[in-house]
């Protein structure tokens, strides 16, 4: 299932869990911990047991992971396909890689799962970012790991 795409600035890979090299997996887990635990000052267990079901979208500069998202088929996490763990390295955010990451993720869901409807649990402060990719808020704000979130749907 290994798929590689070329962005003008990042080299993209979409892989299943069993396609990770040991180094890629270590670097990814370190990257997610850096953003979600250290940077956001949120103590939670990132390794939630769901990575084995997911597709993983990674954007690289050389061997450095700069952007990442985790994708699920409908029924594996929500009743619709979903995108989560969306991150861009702090020192790479000025390049708008988040938008490229969302485009790659939406396209990967269409290609691998054949779906257009996508549900996310978005950090509230990113509402306008996700709206630019066709997501609309559903329901009220809620706390997830101590951070305000909103449900959003696309399609």
Protein backbone atom coordinates (compact mmCIF):
# COMPACT_ATOMS: atom_id res chain seq x y z
CA UNK A 1 0.00 0.00 0.00
CA UNK A 2 3.04 2.30 0.14
CA UNK A 3 2.36 5.45 -1.84
CA UNK A 4 4.73 8.36 -2.35
CA UNK A 5 3.72 11.79 -3.57
CA UNK A 6 5.86 14.83 -4.36
CA UNK A 7 4.91 18.29 -3.09
CA UNK A 8 6.88 21.30 -4.25
CA UNK A 9 8.43 21.46 -0.79
CA UNK A 10 7.71 18.17 0.93
CA UNK A 11 8.02 14.54 -0.06
CA UNK A 12 4.75 12.80 0.92
CA UNK A 13 4.22 9.19 1.99
CA UNK A 14 0.95 7.44 2.82
CA UNK A 15 1.58 4.12 4.59
CA UNK A 16 -0.09 1.58 6.81
CA UNK A 17 1.32 0.82 10.26
CA UNK A 18 3.19 -2.34 9.19
CA UNK A 19 5.06 -0.37 6.50
CA UNK A 20 6.88 1.87 8.97
CA UNK A 21 10.61 1.40 9.34
CA UNK A 22 11.75 1.33 12.96
CA UNK A 23 13.43 4.74 12.50
CA UNK A 24 10.29 6.28 10.92
CA UNK A 25 8.10 5.00 13.75
CA UNK A 26 10.49 6.26 16.43
CA UNK A 27 10.78 9.67 14.74
CA UNK A 28 7.00 9.91 14.34
CA UNK A 29 6.26 9.06 17.98
CA UNK A 30 8.89 11.57 19.08
CA UNK A 31 7.37 14.21 16.75
CA UNK A 32 3.83 13.64 18.05
CA UNK A 33 5.02 13.78 21.66
CA UNK A 34 6.93 17.00 20.96
CA UNK A 35 3.81 18.73 19.62
CA UNK A 36 0.93 17.19 21.58
CA UNK A 37 2.58 16.61 24.96
CA UNK A 38 5.45 19.12 25.25
CA UNK A 39 4.38 22.07 23.07
CA UNK A 40 0.69 21.91 24.01
CA UNK A 41 1.54 21.05 27.63
CA UNK A 42 -1.00 18.23 27.62
CA UNK A 43 -0.24 15.08 29.56
CA UNK A 44 -1.97 12.18 27.82
CA UNK A 45 -1.07 8.83 26.29
CA UNK A 46 -0.48 9.44 22.58
CA UNK A 47 -0.01 5.72 21.86
CA UNK A 48 -3.73 4.95 22.11
CA UNK A 49 -3.76 1.59 20.32
CA UNK A 50 -5.37 3.05 17.17
CA UNK A 51 -2.24 3.51 15.03
CA UNK A 52 -2.37 -0.08 13.78
CA UNK A 53 -5.77 0.53 12.11
CA UNK A 54 -4.81 3.87 10.58
CA UNK A 55 -3.18 5.11 7.42
CA UNK A 56 -0.38 7.55 8.13
CA UNK A 57 0.27 10.61 5.97
CA UNK A 58 3.76 12.03 6.41
CA UNK A 59 5.47 14.99 4.77
CA UNK A 60 9.27 14.89 4.77
CA UNK A 61 12.11 17.31 4.12
CA UNK A 62 14.96 14.90 3.59
CA UNK A 63 14.58 12.40 6.44
CA UNK A 64 12.84 14.84 8.80
CA UNK A 65 9.09 14.42 9.34
CA UNK A 66 7.63 17.94 9.07
CA UNK A 67 3.91 17.18 8.73
CA UNK A 68 1.72 14.27 9.78
CA UNK A 69 -1.90 13.10 9.99
CA UNK A 70 -3.57 9.83 10.88
CA UNK A 71 -6.52 8.58 8.79
CA UNK A 72 -9.28 6.11 9.63
CA UNK A 73 -11.87 4.35 7.53
CA UNK A 74 -15.51 4.78 8.53
CA UNK A 75 -16.36 2.64 11.53
CA UNK A 76 -12.76 2.43 12.77
CA UNK A 77 -13.02 5.62 14.85
CA UNK A 78 -16.20 7.50 13.89
CA UNK A 79 -19.22 6.59 11.75
CA UNK A 80 -17.45 8.42 8.90
CA UNK A 81 -13.85 8.43 7.72
CA UNK A 82 -11.69 10.66 9.88
CA UNK A 83 -8.46 12.61 10.05
CA UNK A 84 -6.66 13.13 13.34
CA UNK A 85 -3.31 13.85 14.98
CA UNK A 86 -2.84 16.65 12.43
CA UNK A 87 0.53 18.33 13.08
CA UNK A 88 3.20 20.42 11.44
CA UNK A 89 6.61 20.97 13.03
CA UNK A 90 6.76 24.33 14.78
CA UNK A 91 9.71 25.55 12.71
CA UNK A 92 7.91 24.59 9.45
CA UNK A 93 4.50 26.25 10.05
CA UNK A 94 5.42 29.43 8.19
CA UNK A 95 5.31 27.45 4.91
CA UNK A 96 1.58 26.60 5.18
CA UNK A 97 2.30 22.87 5.14
CA UNK A 98 -0.89 22.34 7.16
CA UNK A 99 -2.93 23.11 4.06
CA UNK A 100 -0.86 20.71 1.92
CA UNK A 101 -1.23 18.08 4.66
CA UNK A 102 -5.02 18.42 4.67
CA UNK A 103 -5.17 18.18 0.86
CA UNK A 104 -2.99 15.04 0.92
CA UNK A 105 -5.12 13.55 3.71
CA UNK A 106 -8.45 14.26 1.99
CA UNK A 107 -7.12 12.82 -1.27
CA UNK A 108 -5.77 9.72 0.52
CA UNK A 109 -9.20 9.08 2.09
CA UNK A 110 -10.82 9.31 -1.35
CA UNK A 111 -8.21 7.03 -2.91
CA UNK A 112 -7.88 4.39 -0.17
CA UNK A 113 -11.38 4.40 1.33
CA UNK A 114 -13.49 5.72 -1.57
CA UNK A 115 -15.24 8.23 0.68
CA UNK A 116 -15.88 11.98 0.61
CA UNK A 117 -17.53 12.36 4.03
CA UNK A 118 -14.93 13.05 6.73
CA UNK A 119 -15.47 13.72 10.43
CA UNK A 120 -12.89 15.33 12.70
CA UNK A 121 -12.50 16.36 16.31
CA UNK A 122 -10.80 19.74 15.85
CA UNK A 123 -9.10 21.97 18.36
CA UNK A 124 -11.45 24.96 18.51
CA UNK A 125 -8.79 27.55 17.68
CA UNK A 126 -8.27 25.80 14.29
CA UNK A 127 -11.92 26.12 13.20
CA UNK A 128 -11.19 28.64 10.40
CA UNK A 129 -8.26 26.52 9.16
CA UNK A 130 -10.51 23.46 8.75
CA UNK A 131 -13.33 25.54 7.25
CA UNK A 132 -10.93 26.42 4.40
CA UNK A 133 -10.93 22.68 3.60
CA UNK A 134 -14.72 22.34 3.51
CA UNK A 135 -15.37 21.33 7.13
CA UNK A 136 -18.34 22.74 9.06
CA UNK A 137 -18.91 22.66 12.80
CA UNK A 138 -21.40 20.17 14.20
CA UNK A 139 -22.53 20.51 17.80
CA UNK A 140 -21.16 22.34 20.78
CA UNK A 141 -17.63 22.81 22.08
CA UNK A 142 -16.27 20.12 24.39
CA UNK A 143 -13.05 19.39 26.25
CA UNK A 144 -10.73 16.66 25.02
CA UNK A 145 -7.56 16.14 27.07
CA UNK A 146 -8.20 19.55 28.64
CA UNK A 147 -8.25 21.39 25.28
CA UNK A 148 -11.43 22.95 23.76
CA UNK A 149 -12.55 20.95 20.70
CA UNK A 150 -15.43 20.98 18.23
CA UNK A 151 -16.82 18.29 15.97
CA UNK A 152 -16.60 19.08 12.24
CA UNK A 153 -17.84 17.32 9.08
CA UNK A 154 -16.86 17.60 5.43
CA UNK A 155 -18.98 16.20 2.63
